[in-house]
Amino acid sequence: MRKSEIDRQTKETTVSISLDLDGQGETDIDTGVAFFDHMLEAIGRHGLFNLRLQAKGDLAVDAHHTVEDVGIVLGTAILEALGDKRGISRFGDCLMPMDEALVAAAVDISGRGQLHWQVDLPIEMIGSFDTTLFKEFLIALAANAGITLHVRSLAGENSHHIIEAAAKAVARALYQAVAIDPRRAGTIPSTKGSL
């Protein structure tokens, strides 16, 4: 049962999440930030994670705290759901096309949380969403999940397409990395014996 439930409350945000790594891609997302909700739904759907996430933040200021704190909570939920990481594949990668955009993502469930981001976004706003916030979300997710995450744009002219391709690429890479490999027979996938 690779599931987790996390509630986090600060003076800036309240975030609640329920995550099942072995789901069917069912999502129920409400952060108050419509484009971000769309990206989180893509992550759940294409990662085949059942994801329920509710967030309330100080959107009158801007969406930064909400987006970053969702990354913190989702990363924490992934880490908790992975447990001791026995039997996982550990690595995953994806090359995701979306119209003219092409984005690569690679994941190592290493225990060393970090994001390496090389993504060119032609515009700074998609509707009311500041495009720089997607990187902040992934920084928080990687740090709190303890994963090494690389995301690179290889082509693209439309920021919506580039970010959506990035979200889907991360989802598919995570899907591969968290998958149970029956040949590992419950062992830790590391020469160190721990992750």
C-alpha atoms as a PDB file:
ATOM      1  CA  MET A   1       0.000   0.000   0.000  1.00  0.00           C
ATOM      2  CA  ARG A   2       2.135   2.856  -1.277  1.00  0.00           C
ATOM      3  CA  LYS A   3      -0.107   5.657  -0.122  1.00  0.00           C
ATOM      4  CA  SER A   4       0.268   8.783   1.960  1.00  0.00           C
ATOM      5  CA  GLU A   5      -1.803  11.609   3.370  1.00  0.00           C
ATOM      6  CA  ILE A   6      -0.215  14.902   4.366  1.00  0.00           C
ATOM      7  CA  ASP A   7      -1.655  18.100   5.842  1.00  0.00           C
ATOM      8  CA  ARG A   8       0.501  21.219   6.122  1.00  0.00           C
ATOM      9  CA  GLN A   9      -0.543  24.593   7.472  1.00  0.00           C
ATOM     10  CA  THR A  10       1.457  27.809   7.640  1.00  0.00           C
ATOM     11  CA  LYS A  11       0.500  31.470   7.932  1.00  0.00           C
ATOM     12  CA  GLU A  12       0.591  31.612   4.123  1.00  0.00           C
ATOM     13  CA  THR A  13      -1.009  28.337   2.993  1.00  0.00           C
ATOM     14  CA  THR A  14      -3.004  25.276   3.955  1.00  0.00           C
ATOM     15  CA  VAL A  15      -2.331  22.195   1.830  1.00  0.00           C
ATOM     16  CA  SER A  16      -3.883  18.730   2.099  1.00  0.00           C
ATOM     17  CA  ILE A  17      -2.925  15.807  -0.104  1.00  0.00           C
ATOM     18  CA  SER A  18      -3.794  12.160  -0.548  1.00  0.00           C
ATOM     19  CA  LEU A  19      -1.496  10.196  -2.875  1.00  0.00           C
ATOM     20  CA  ASP A  20      -1.542   6.615  -4.156  1.00  0.00           C
ATOM     21  CA  LEU A  21       1.525   5.760  -6.248  1.00  0.00           C
ATOM     22  CA  ASP A  22      -0.207   2.633  -7.577  1.00  0.00           C
ATOM     23  CA  GLY A  23      -3.377   4.329  -8.774  1.00  0.00           C
ATOM     24  CA  GLN A  24      -5.141   4.767 -12.083  1.00  0.00           C
ATOM     25  CA  GLY A  25      -4.500   8.482 -12.599  1.00  0.00           C
ATOM     26  CA  GLU A  26      -7.606   9.730 -10.813  1.00  0.00           C
ATOM     27  CA  THR A  27      -7.286  13.350  -9.694  1.00  0.00           C
ATOM     28  CA  ASP A  28      -9.208  15.906  -7.660  1.00  0.00           C
ATOM     29  CA  ILE A  29      -7.195  19.134  -7.592  1.00  0.00           C
ATOM     30  CA  ASP A  30      -8.045  22.616  -6.341  1.00  0.00           C
ATOM     31  CA  THR A  31      -5.289  25.115  -5.564  1.00  0.00           C
ATOM     32  CA  GLY A  32      -7.115  28.260  -6.674  1.00  0.00           C
ATOM     33  CA  VAL A  33      -4.564  28.599  -9.506  1.00  0.00           C
ATOM     34  CA  ALA A  34      -6.268  27.255 -12.639  1.00  0.00           C
ATOM     35  CA  PHE A  35      -3.237  26.662 -14.875  1.00  0.00           C
ATOM     36  CA  PHE A  36      -1.343  25.016 -12.005  1.00  0.00           C
ATOM     37  CA  ASP A  37      -4.341  22.754 -11.339  1.00  0.00           C
ATOM     38  CA  HIS A  38      -4.175  21.718 -14.999  1.00  0.00           C
ATOM     39  CA  MET A  39      -0.481  20.796 -14.640  1.00  0.00           C
ATOM     40  CA  LEU A  40      -1.083  18.841 -11.402  1.00  0.00           C
ATOM     41  CA  GLU A  41      -3.918  16.947 -13.092  1.00  0.00           C
ATOM     42  CA  ALA A  42      -1.501  16.074 -15.918  1.00  0.00           C
ATOM     43  CA  ILE A  43       1.056  14.795 -13.395  1.00  0.00           C
ATOM     44  CA  GLY A  44      -1.527  12.580 -11.697  1.00  0.00           C
ATOM     45  CA  ARG A  45      -3.067  11.339 -14.933  1.00  0.00           C
ATOM     46  CA  HIS A  46       0.152  10.550 -16.775  1.00  0.00           C
ATOM     47  CA  GLY A  47       2.018   9.247 -13.730  1.00  0.00           C
ATOM     48  CA  LEU A  48      -0.969   6.994 -12.957  1.00  0.00           C
ATOM     49  CA  PHE A  49      -1.041   8.415  -9.441  1.00  0.00           C
ATOM     50  CA  ASN A  50      -4.343   8.867  -7.651  1.00  0.00           C
ATOM     51  CA  LEU A  51      -3.963  12.414  -6.380  1.00  0.00           C
ATOM     52  CA  ARG A  52      -6.333  14.456  -4.247  1.00  0.00           C
ATOM     53  CA  LEU A  53      -4.957  17.880  -3.449  1.00  0.00           C
ATOM     54  CA  GLN A  54      -6.577  20.937  -1.912  1.00  0.00           C
ATOM     55  CA  ALA A  55      -4.686  24.154  -1.261  1.00  0.00           C
ATOM     56  CA  LYS A  56      -5.657  27.574   0.023  1.00  0.00           C
ATOM     57  CA  GLY A  57      -3.053  30.267  -0.068  1.00  0.00           C
ATOM     58  CA  ASP A  58      -2.462  33.987  -0.001  1.00  0.00           C
ATOM     59  CA  LEU A  59      -3.355  34.416  -3.664  1.00  0.00           C
ATOM     60  CA  ALA A  60      -4.089  38.093  -3.059  1.00  0.00           C
ATOM     61  CA  VAL A  61      -0.304  38.467  -2.768  1.00  0.00           C
ATOM     62  CA  ASP A  62       0.455  36.120  -5.684  1.00  0.00           C
ATOM     63  CA  ALA A  63       0.597  32.372  -6.365  1.00  0.00           C
ATOM     64  CA  HIS A  64       4.211  31.844  -5.280  1.00  0.00           C
ATOM     65  CA  HIS A  65       3.592  30.542  -1.757  1.00  0.00           C
ATOM     66  CA  THR A  66       0.764  28.270  -2.903  1.00  0.00           C
ATOM     67  CA  VAL A  67       2.741  26.739  -5.776  1.00  0.00           C
ATOM     68  CA  GLU A  68       5.917  26.248  -3.727  1.00  0.00           C
ATOM     69  CA  ASP A  69       4.072  24.787  -0.740  1.00  0.00           C
ATOM     70  CA  VAL A  70       2.199  22.352  -2.984  1.00  0.00           C
ATOM     71  CA  GLY A  71       5.621  21.211  -4.229  1.00  0.00           C
ATOM     72  CA  ILE A  72       6.781  20.739  -0.636  1.00  0.00           C
ATOM     73  CA  VAL A  73       3.721  18.699   0.295  1.00  0.00           C
ATOM     74  CA  LEU A  74       3.644  16.605  -2.896  1.00  0.00           C
ATOM     75  CA  GLY A  75       7.356  15.844  -2.525  1.00  0.00           C
ATOM     76  CA  THR A  76       6.846  14.853   1.113  1.00  0.00           C
ATOM     77  CA  ALA A  77       3.895  12.643   0.112  1.00  0.00           C
ATOM     78  CA  ILE A  78       5.983  10.876  -2.556  1.00  0.00           C
ATOM     79  CA  LEU A  79       8.802  10.260  -0.070  1.00  0.00           C
ATOM     80  CA  GLU A  80       6.399   8.896   2.547  1.00  0.00           C
ATOM     81  CA  ALA A  81       4.551   6.671   0.045  1.00  0.00           C
ATOM     82  CA  LEU A  82       7.859   5.171  -1.167  1.00  0.00           C
ATOM     83  CA  GLY A  83       8.622   3.893   2.323  1.00  0.00           C
ATOM     84  CA  ASP A  84      12.001   2.137   2.443  1.00  0.00           C
ATOM     85  CA  LYS A  85      12.149   2.097  -1.396  1.00  0.00           C
ATOM     86  CA  ARG A  86      12.605  -1.666  -1.585  1.00  0.00           C
ATOM     87  CA  GLY A  87      12.048  -3.084  -5.057  1.00  0.00           C
ATOM     88  CA  ILE A  88      11.635   0.236  -6.889  1.00  0.00           C
ATOM     89  CA  SER A  89      13.131   0.750 -10.335  1.00  0.00           C
ATOM     90  CA  ARG A  90      14.741   3.966  -9.011  1.00  0.00           C
ATOM     91  CA  PHE A  91      15.417   5.582 -12.400  1.00  0.00           C
ATOM     92  CA  GLY A  92      13.048   6.933 -15.016  1.00  0.00           C
ATOM     93  CA  ASP A  93      13.187   9.156 -18.057  1.00  0.00           C
ATOM     94  CA  CYS A  94      10.880  10.510 -20.711  1.00  0.00           C
ATOM     95  CA  LEU A  95      11.102  12.504 -23.915  1.00  0.00           C
ATOM     96  CA  MET A  96       7.719  14.247 -24.196  1.00  0.00           C
ATOM     97  CA  PRO A  97       6.420  15.942 -27.340  1.00  0.00           C
ATOM     98  CA  MET A  98       3.554  18.397 -27.250  1.00  0.00           C
ATOM     99  CA  ASP A  99       2.933  19.988 -30.614  1.00  0.00           C
ATOM    100  CA  GLU A 100       6.107  21.997 -31.399  1.00  0.00           C
ATOM    101  CA  ALA A 101       7.504  21.536 -27.870  1.00  0.00           C
ATOM    102  CA  LEU A 102       9.830  18.720 -26.861  1.00  0.00           C
ATOM    103  CA  VAL A 103      10.933  18.290 -23.241  1.00  0.00           C
ATOM    104  CA  ALA A 104      13.165  15.677 -21.610  1.00  0.00           C
ATOM    105  CA  ALA A 105      12.907  14.654 -17.956  1.00  0.00           C
ATOM    106  CA  ALA A 106      15.021  12.190 -15.997  1.00  0.00           C
ATOM    107  CA  VAL A 107      14.581  11.072 -12.381  1.00  0.00           C
ATOM    108  CA  ASP A 108      16.816   9.290  -9.896  1.00  0.00           C
ATOM    109  CA  ILE A 109      15.232   8.444  -6.547  1.00  0.00           C
ATOM    110  CA  SER A 110      18.616   9.043  -4.985  1.00  0.00           C
ATOM    111  CA  GLY A 111      17.860  10.530  -1.586  1.00  0.00           C
ATOM    112  CA  ARG A 112      19.635  13.670  -2.796  1.00  0.00           C
ATOM    113  CA  GLY A 113      16.916  16.182  -3.632  1.00  0.00           C
ATOM    114  CA  GLN A 114      17.865  18.551  -6.422  1.00  0.00           C
ATOM    115  CA  LEU A 115      16.508  20.045  -9.627  1.00  0.00           C
ATOM    116  CA  HIS A 116      18.556  20.755 -12.738  1.00  0.00           C
ATOM    117  CA  TRP A 117      16.411  22.960 -14.995  1.00  0.00           C
ATOM    118  CA  GLN A 118      17.301  24.073 -18.506  1.00  0.00           C
ATOM    119  CA  VAL A 119      14.004  25.270 -19.908  1.00  0.00           C
ATOM    120  CA  ASP A 120      13.522  28.315 -22.103  1.00  0.00           C
ATOM    121  CA  LEU A 121      10.103  29.922 -21.702  1.00  0.00           C
ATOM    122  CA  PRO A 122       9.300  32.596 -24.305  1.00  0.00           C
ATOM    123  CA  ILE A 123       6.725  34.406 -22.159  1.00  0.00           C
ATOM    124  CA  GLU A 124       6.483  35.101 -18.433  1.00  0.00           C
ATOM    125  CA  MET A 125       2.718  34.795 -17.989  1.00  0.00           C
ATOM    126  CA  ILE A 126       0.158  32.192 -19.041  1.00  0.00           C
ATOM    127  CA  GLY A 127      -3.121  33.827 -18.148  1.00  0.00           C
ATOM    128  CA  SER A 128      -2.505  34.859 -14.534  1.00  0.00           C
ATOM    129  CA  PHE A 129       0.171  32.177 -13.961  1.00  0.00           C
ATOM    130  CA  ASP A 130       3.788  33.339 -13.643  1.00  0.00           C
ATOM    131  CA  THR A 131       5.705  30.751 -15.686  1.00  0.00           C
ATOM    132  CA  THR A 132       8.759  30.977 -13.394  1.00  0.00           C
ATOM    133  CA  LEU A 133       6.684  29.359 -10.648  1.00  0.00           C
ATOM    134  CA  PHE A 134       6.708  25.940 -12.305  1.00  0.00           C
ATOM    135  CA  LYS A 135      10.452  25.729 -11.692  1.00  0.00           C
ATOM    136  CA  GLU A 136       9.860  26.725  -8.035  1.00  0.00           C
ATOM    137  CA  PHE A 137       7.292  23.930  -7.753  1.00  0.00           C
ATOM    138  CA  LEU A 138       9.766  21.368  -9.100  1.00  0.00           C
ATOM    139  CA  ILE A 139      12.579  22.611  -6.837  1.00  0.00           C
ATOM    140  CA  ALA A 140      10.345  22.079  -3.797  1.00  0.00           C
ATOM    141  CA  LEU A 141       9.075  18.716  -5.059  1.00  0.00           C
ATOM    142  CA  ALA A 142      12.578  17.352  -5.781  1.00  0.00           C
ATOM    143  CA  ALA A 143      14.035  18.601  -2.489  1.00  0.00           C
ATOM    144  CA  ASN A 144      11.246  17.124  -0.378  1.00  0.00           C
ATOM    145  CA  ALA A 145      10.922  13.839  -2.297  1.00  0.00           C
ATOM    146  CA  GLY A 146      14.685  13.321  -2.175  1.00  0.00           C
ATOM    147  CA  ILE A 147      14.963  12.907  -5.928  1.00  0.00           C
ATOM    148  CA  THR A 148      17.433  14.135  -8.497  1.00  0.00           C
ATOM    149  CA  LEU A 149      15.386  15.636 -11.325  1.00  0.00           C
ATOM    150  CA  HIS A 150      16.624  16.930 -14.666  1.00  0.00           C
ATOM    151  CA  VAL A 151      14.265  18.831 -16.978  1.00  0.00           C
ATOM    152  CA  ARG A 152      15.385  20.252 -20.330  1.00  0.00           C
ATOM    153  CA  SER A 153      13.473  21.826 -23.178  1.00  0.00           C
ATOM    154  CA  LEU A 154      14.762  20.716 -26.558  1.00  0.00           C
ATOM    155  CA  ALA A 155      12.257  22.606 -28.699  1.00  0.00           C
ATOM    156  CA  GLY A 156       9.265  24.862 -28.311  1.00  0.00           C
ATOM    157  CA  GLU A 157       7.797  28.290 -28.980  1.00  0.00           C
ATOM    158  CA  ASN A 158       4.639  28.205 -26.867  1.00  0.00           C
ATOM    159  CA  SER A 159       5.158  28.444 -23.085  1.00  0.00           C
ATOM    160  CA  HIS A 160       1.938  26.562 -22.351  1.00  0.00           C
ATOM    161  CA  HIS A 161       3.087  23.652 -24.505  1.00  0.00           C
ATOM    162  CA  ILE A 162       6.590  23.672 -22.990  1.00  0.00           C
ATOM    163  CA  ILE A 163       5.393  23.642 -19.375  1.00  0.00           C
ATOM    164  CA  GLU A 164       2.719  21.046 -20.071  1.00  0.00           C
ATOM    165  CA  ALA A 165       5.258  18.835 -21.851  1.00  0.00           C
ATOM    166  CA  ALA A 166       7.534  19.268 -18.812  1.00  0.00           C
ATOM    167  CA  ALA A 167       4.746  18.260 -16.409  1.00  0.00           C
ATOM    168  CA  LYS A 168       3.905  15.166 -18.450  1.00  0.00           C
ATOM    169  CA  ALA A 169       7.573  14.230 -18.890  1.00  0.00           C
ATOM    170  CA  VAL A 170       8.171  14.469 -15.127  1.00  0.00           C
ATOM    171  CA  ALA A 171       5.041  12.378 -14.518  1.00  0.00           C
ATOM    172  CA  ARG A 172       6.137   9.605 -16.876  1.00  0.00           C
ATOM    173  CA  ALA A 173       9.701   9.611 -15.531  1.00  0.00           C
ATOM    174  CA  LEU A 174       8.364   9.360 -11.971  1.00  0.00           C
ATOM    175  CA  TYR A 175       5.995   6.573 -13.031  1.00  0.00           C
ATOM    176  CA  GLN A 176       8.986   4.539 -14.232  1.00  0.00           C
ATOM    177  CA  ALA A 177      11.175   5.363 -11.232  1.00  0.00           C
ATOM    178  CA  VAL A 178       8.623   4.465  -8.527  1.00  0.00           C
ATOM    179  CA  ALA A 179       7.507   1.274 -10.311  1.00  0.00           C
ATOM    180  CA  ILE A 180       8.179  -1.991  -8.518  1.00  0.00           C
ATOM    181  CA  ASP A 181      10.636  -4.195 -10.414  1.00  0.00           C
ATOM    182  CA  PRO A 182       9.819  -7.840  -9.584  1.00  0.00           C
ATOM    183  CA  ARG A 183      13.406  -8.868 -10.378  1.00  0.00           C
ATOM    184  CA  ARG A 184      14.680  -6.774  -7.469  1.00  0.00           C
ATOM    185  CA  ALA A 185      12.924  -9.130  -5.027  1.00  0.00           C
ATOM    186  CA  GLY A 186      12.407  -6.378  -2.455  1.00  0.00           C
ATOM    187  CA  THR A 187      16.010  -5.205  -2.377  1.00  0.00           C
ATOM    188  CA  ILE A 188      17.224  -1.615  -2.208  1.00  0.00           C
ATOM    189  CA  PRO A 189      18.392  -0.524  -5.690  1.00  0.00           C
ATOM    190  CA  SER A 190      21.763   0.823  -4.570  1.00  0.00           C
ATOM    191  CA  THR A 191      25.283  -0.549  -4.141  1.00  0.00           C
ATOM    192  CA  LYS A 192      25.277   1.269  -0.781  1.00  0.00           C
ATOM    193  CA  GLY A 193      22.312  -0.761   0.443  1.00  0.00           C
ATOM    194  CA  SER A 194      20.248   2.351   1.205  1.00  0.00           C
ATOM    195  CA  LEU A 195      18.733   5.347  -0.547  1.00  0.00           C
END
